[in-house]
């Protein structure tokens, strides 16, 4: 390999920043800039890849908004009090109850554990029904129209 600063042939080069330019330089030319991490010495960290709850397919149950509202009303809580119990904003509860927002898995788990209700169903559950036609090919145009309609 050639040093990008002086042009000499080198076996080992260093990554150096010289005047805002990132260059590969020999050891003698490193004095002209700042050595940055050498790629060979860098440890590659494995990125965390979240798994979707044991690779099962989960859907929010139909009518989750009314379930949340009925639970809140049975406990005689205002939307603000309900939100405070799960450390969320009141606007989130309003959007969930009107089903303008689908709960994330994290939010649904918070609600489920705090209030003892079920918001997600698994395809392994006997009562599972998905509104989408997931035949392994992904979402179809019909699915998009159903989502838009709702």
C-alpha atoms as a PDB file:
ATOM      1  CA  UNK A   1       0.000   0.000   0.000  1.00  0.00           C
ATOM      2  CA  UNK A   2       1.066   3.563  -0.596  1.00  0.00           C
ATOM      3  CA  UNK A   3       1.096   6.363   1.938  1.00  0.00           C
ATOM      4  CA  UNK A   4      -1.408   8.980   0.781  1.00  0.00           C
ATOM      5  CA  UNK A   5       0.814  11.795   2.157  1.00  0.00           C
ATOM      6  CA  UNK A   6       4.345  11.016   0.930  1.00  0.00           C
ATOM      7  CA  UNK A   7       3.677   8.189  -1.552  1.00  0.00           C
ATOM      8  CA  UNK A   8       6.087   5.679  -0.010  1.00  0.00           C
ATOM      9  CA  UNK A   9       5.262   1.990  -0.001  1.00  0.00           C
ATOM     10  CA  UNK A  10       4.221   0.766   3.498  1.00  0.00           C
ATOM     11  CA  UNK A  11       3.002  -2.480   5.026  1.00  0.00           C
ATOM     12  CA  UNK A  12       1.192  -0.827   7.905  1.00  0.00           C
ATOM     13  CA  UNK A  13      -0.657   2.447   7.608  1.00  0.00           C
ATOM     14  CA  UNK A  14      -2.478   4.698  10.072  1.00  0.00           C
ATOM     15  CA  UNK A  15      -5.705   6.608   9.640  1.00  0.00           C
ATOM     16  CA  UNK A  16      -4.821  10.266  10.117  1.00  0.00           C
ATOM     17  CA  UNK A  17      -6.751  13.504   9.910  1.00  0.00           C
ATOM     18  CA  UNK A  18      -4.670  16.215   8.260  1.00  0.00           C
ATOM     19  CA  UNK A  19      -6.354  19.586   7.646  1.00  0.00           C
ATOM     20  CA  UNK A  20      -9.872  18.075   7.897  1.00  0.00           C
ATOM     21  CA  UNK A  21      -9.021  15.262   5.461  1.00  0.00           C
ATOM     22  CA  UNK A  22      -8.996  11.618   6.466  1.00  0.00           C
ATOM     23  CA  UNK A  23      -5.907   9.934   4.970  1.00  0.00           C
ATOM     24  CA  UNK A  24      -3.974   6.679   5.174  1.00  0.00           C
ATOM     25  CA  UNK A  25      -0.417   7.577   6.175  1.00  0.00           C
ATOM     26  CA  UNK A  26       2.847   5.859   7.062  1.00  0.00           C
ATOM     27  CA  UNK A  27       4.275   6.161  10.559  1.00  0.00           C
ATOM     28  CA  UNK A  28       6.599   9.029   9.546  1.00  0.00           C
ATOM     29  CA  UNK A  29       3.697  11.114   8.146  1.00  0.00           C
ATOM     30  CA  UNK A  30       1.476  10.727  11.208  1.00  0.00           C
ATOM     31  CA  UNK A  31       3.305  13.705  12.752  1.00  0.00           C
ATOM     32  CA  UNK A  32       1.516  16.003  10.271  1.00  0.00           C
ATOM     33  CA  UNK A  33      -1.930  15.231  11.640  1.00  0.00           C
ATOM     34  CA  UNK A  34      -3.909  13.490  14.332  1.00  0.00           C
ATOM     35  CA  UNK A  35      -4.059   9.698  14.417  1.00  0.00           C
ATOM     36  CA  UNK A  36      -7.543   8.326  14.586  1.00  0.00           C
ATOM     37  CA  UNK A  37      -8.534   4.776  15.389  1.00  0.00           C
ATOM     38  CA  UNK A  38      -6.792   2.151  13.266  1.00  0.00           C
ATOM     39  CA  UNK A  39      -9.404  -0.057  11.576  1.00  0.00           C
ATOM     40  CA  UNK A  40      -7.523  -3.265  12.363  1.00  0.00           C
ATOM     41  CA  UNK A  41      -7.529  -2.503  16.097  1.00  0.00           C
ATOM     42  CA  UNK A  42     -11.192  -1.576  16.230  1.00  0.00           C
ATOM     43  CA  UNK A  43     -13.468  -4.022  17.968  1.00  0.00           C
ATOM     44  CA  UNK A  44     -16.674  -4.651  16.126  1.00  0.00           C
ATOM     45  CA  UNK A  45     -19.630  -4.666  18.442  1.00  0.00           C
ATOM     46  CA  UNK A  46     -22.629  -6.729  17.561  1.00  0.00           C
ATOM     47  CA  UNK A  47     -25.636  -4.524  17.128  1.00  0.00           C
ATOM     48  CA  UNK A  48     -28.611  -5.376  19.255  1.00  0.00           C
ATOM     49  CA  UNK A  49     -31.370  -6.687  17.054  1.00  0.00           C
ATOM     50  CA  UNK A  50     -34.688  -6.651  18.860  1.00  0.00           C
ATOM     51  CA  UNK A  51     -36.763  -9.745  18.402  1.00  0.00           C
ATOM     52  CA  UNK A  52     -40.489  -9.573  18.160  1.00  0.00           C
ATOM     53  CA  UNK A  53     -41.608 -11.400  21.302  1.00  0.00           C
ATOM     54  CA  UNK A  54     -40.289 -14.894  20.462  1.00  0.00           C
ATOM     55  CA  UNK A  55     -40.926 -14.337  16.727  1.00  0.00           C
ATOM     56  CA  UNK A  56     -44.667 -14.810  17.192  1.00  0.00           C
ATOM     57  CA  UNK A  57     -47.075 -12.553  15.375  1.00  0.00           C
ATOM     58  CA  UNK A  58     -48.977 -10.226  17.697  1.00  0.00           C
ATOM     59  CA  UNK A  59     -51.914  -7.951  16.892  1.00  0.00           C
ATOM     60  CA  UNK A  60     -53.819  -5.498  18.991  1.00  0.00           C
ATOM     61  CA  UNK A  61     -57.182  -6.944  19.829  1.00  0.00           C
ATOM     62  CA  UNK A  62     -60.224  -5.462  18.151  1.00  0.00           C
ATOM     63  CA  UNK A  63     -61.828  -2.752  20.284  1.00  0.00           C
ATOM     64  CA  UNK A  64     -58.755  -2.089  22.432  1.00  0.00           C
ATOM     65  CA  UNK A  65     -59.809   1.571  22.803  1.00  0.00           C
ATOM     66  CA  UNK A  66     -63.109   0.719  24.436  1.00  0.00           C
ATOM     67  CA  UNK A  67     -61.382  -1.844  26.690  1.00  0.00           C
ATOM     68  CA  UNK A  68     -58.964   0.831  27.912  1.00  0.00           C
ATOM     69  CA  UNK A  69     -61.802   3.344  28.400  1.00  0.00           C
ATOM     70  CA  UNK A  70     -64.035   0.844  30.281  1.00  0.00           C
ATOM     71  CA  UNK A  71     -61.138  -0.198  32.518  1.00  0.00           C
ATOM     72  CA  UNK A  72     -60.366   3.444  33.305  1.00  0.00           C
ATOM     73  CA  UNK A  73     -64.023   4.248  34.004  1.00  0.00           C
ATOM     74  CA  UNK A  74     -64.469   1.147  36.206  1.00  0.00           C
ATOM     75  CA  UNK A  75     -61.518   2.320  38.291  1.00  0.00           C
ATOM     76  CA  UNK A  76     -63.103   5.800  38.402  1.00  0.00           C
ATOM     77  CA  UNK A  77     -59.968   7.431  36.999  1.00  0.00           C
ATOM     78  CA  UNK A  78     -59.748  10.460  34.764  1.00  0.00           C
ATOM     79  CA  UNK A  79     -57.657  10.210  31.623  1.00  0.00           C
ATOM     80  CA  UNK A  80     -54.980  12.273  33.346  1.00  0.00           C
ATOM     81  CA  UNK A  81     -54.909   9.994  36.428  1.00  0.00           C
ATOM     82  CA  UNK A  82     -54.795   6.907  34.189  1.00  0.00           C
ATOM     83  CA  UNK A  83     -51.895   8.396  32.228  1.00  0.00           C
ATOM     84  CA  UNK A  84     -50.007   9.289  35.411  1.00  0.00           C
ATOM     85  CA  UNK A  85     -50.270   5.703  36.693  1.00  0.00           C
ATOM     86  CA  UNK A  86     -48.437   4.403  33.623  1.00  0.00           C
ATOM     87  CA  UNK A  87     -46.205   7.495  33.325  1.00  0.00           C
ATOM     88  CA  UNK A  88     -47.543   8.629  29.950  1.00  0.00           C
ATOM     89  CA  UNK A  89     -49.092  11.822  28.627  1.00  0.00           C
ATOM     90  CA  UNK A  90     -52.846  12.345  28.751  1.00  0.00           C
ATOM     91  CA  UNK A  91     -52.895  12.862  24.980  1.00  0.00           C
ATOM     92  CA  UNK A  92     -51.633   9.290  24.512  1.00  0.00           C
ATOM     93  CA  UNK A  93     -54.582   7.924  26.504  1.00  0.00           C
ATOM     94  CA  UNK A  94     -57.020  10.064  24.519  1.00  0.00           C
ATOM     95  CA  UNK A  95     -55.581   8.770  21.234  1.00  0.00           C
ATOM     96  CA  UNK A  96     -55.596   5.156  22.461  1.00  0.00           C
ATOM     97  CA  UNK A  97     -59.200   5.322  23.639  1.00  0.00           C
ATOM     98  CA  UNK A  98     -60.339   6.764  20.308  1.00  0.00           C
ATOM     99  CA  UNK A  99     -58.158   4.175  18.512  1.00  0.00           C
ATOM    100  CA  UNK A 100     -56.394   6.906  16.556  1.00  0.00           C
ATOM    101  CA  UNK A 101     -53.137   5.387  17.772  1.00  0.00           C
ATOM    102  CA  UNK A 102     -52.106   1.754  18.067  1.00  0.00           C
ATOM    103  CA  UNK A 103     -50.192   1.040  21.256  1.00  0.00           C
ATOM    104  CA  UNK A 104     -46.572  -0.004  20.925  1.00  0.00           C
ATOM    105  CA  UNK A 105     -45.660  -3.339  22.487  1.00  0.00           C
ATOM    106  CA  UNK A 106     -43.902  -1.511  25.307  1.00  0.00           C
ATOM    107  CA  UNK A 107     -46.901   0.724  26.044  1.00  0.00           C
ATOM    108  CA  UNK A 108     -49.346  -2.177  25.794  1.00  0.00           C
ATOM    109  CA  UNK A 109     -47.251  -4.218  28.253  1.00  0.00           C
ATOM    110  CA  UNK A 110     -47.260  -1.262  30.672  1.00  0.00           C
ATOM    111  CA  UNK A 111     -51.045  -1.007  30.502  1.00  0.00           C
ATOM    112  CA  UNK A 112     -51.504  -4.782  30.689  1.00  0.00           C
ATOM    113  CA  UNK A 113     -49.304  -5.207  33.774  1.00  0.00           C
ATOM    114  CA  UNK A 114     -50.613  -2.115  35.580  1.00  0.00           C
ATOM    115  CA  UNK A 115     -54.334  -2.700  34.995  1.00  0.00           C
ATOM    116  CA  UNK A 116     -54.527  -6.451  34.302  1.00  0.00           C
ATOM    117  CA  UNK A 117     -56.059  -6.219  30.834  1.00  0.00           C
ATOM    118  CA  UNK A 118     -54.992  -7.780  27.527  1.00  0.00           C
ATOM    119  CA  UNK A 119     -54.338  -5.589  24.487  1.00  0.00           C
ATOM    120  CA  UNK A 120     -52.304  -7.943  22.292  1.00  0.00           C
ATOM    121  CA  UNK A 121     -53.270 -11.370  21.076  1.00  0.00           C
ATOM    122  CA  UNK A 122     -50.952 -13.960  19.569  1.00  0.00           C
ATOM    123  CA  UNK A 123     -51.643 -16.090  16.502  1.00  0.00           C
ATOM    124  CA  UNK A 124     -51.190 -19.050  18.845  1.00  0.00           C
ATOM    125  CA  UNK A 125     -54.093 -17.868  21.005  1.00  0.00           C
ATOM    126  CA  UNK A 126     -57.378 -19.636  20.222  1.00  0.00           C
ATOM    127  CA  UNK A 127     -59.268 -16.346  19.791  1.00  0.00           C
ATOM    128  CA  UNK A 128     -56.677 -14.772  17.505  1.00  0.00           C
ATOM    129  CA  UNK A 129     -57.979 -13.099  14.380  1.00  0.00           C
ATOM    130  CA  UNK A 130     -55.925 -10.761  12.273  1.00  0.00           C
ATOM    131  CA  UNK A 131     -57.617  -8.102  10.212  1.00  0.00           C
ATOM    132  CA  UNK A 132     -54.756  -8.297   7.701  1.00  0.00           C
ATOM    133  CA  UNK A 133     -54.307 -11.028   5.105  1.00  0.00           C
ATOM    134  CA  UNK A 134     -50.773 -12.041   5.984  1.00  0.00           C
ATOM    135  CA  UNK A 135     -50.046 -14.951   3.701  1.00  0.00           C
ATOM    136  CA  UNK A 136     -46.293 -14.504   3.986  1.00  0.00           C
ATOM    137  CA  UNK A 137     -46.119 -12.067   1.047  1.00  0.00           C
ATOM    138  CA  UNK A 138     -46.487  -9.015   3.282  1.00  0.00           C
ATOM    139  CA  UNK A 139     -49.209  -6.383   3.254  1.00  0.00           C
ATOM    140  CA  UNK A 140     -51.528  -6.250   0.269  1.00  0.00           C
ATOM    141  CA  UNK A 141     -53.353  -3.279  -1.258  1.00  0.00           C
ATOM    142  CA  UNK A 142     -56.537  -4.474   0.464  1.00  0.00           C
ATOM    143  CA  UNK A 143     -54.737  -4.302   3.806  1.00  0.00           C
ATOM    144  CA  UNK A 144     -53.630  -0.736   3.115  1.00  0.00           C
ATOM    145  CA  UNK A 145     -57.190   0.265   2.259  1.00  0.00           C
ATOM    146  CA  UNK A 146     -58.496  -1.319   5.473  1.00  0.00           C
ATOM    147  CA  UNK A 147     -55.851   0.530   7.486  1.00  0.00           C
ATOM    148  CA  UNK A 148     -56.707   3.844   5.764  1.00  0.00           C
ATOM    149  CA  UNK A 149     -60.431   3.246   6.337  1.00  0.00           C
ATOM    150  CA  UNK A 150     -59.906   2.691  10.057  1.00  0.00           C
END
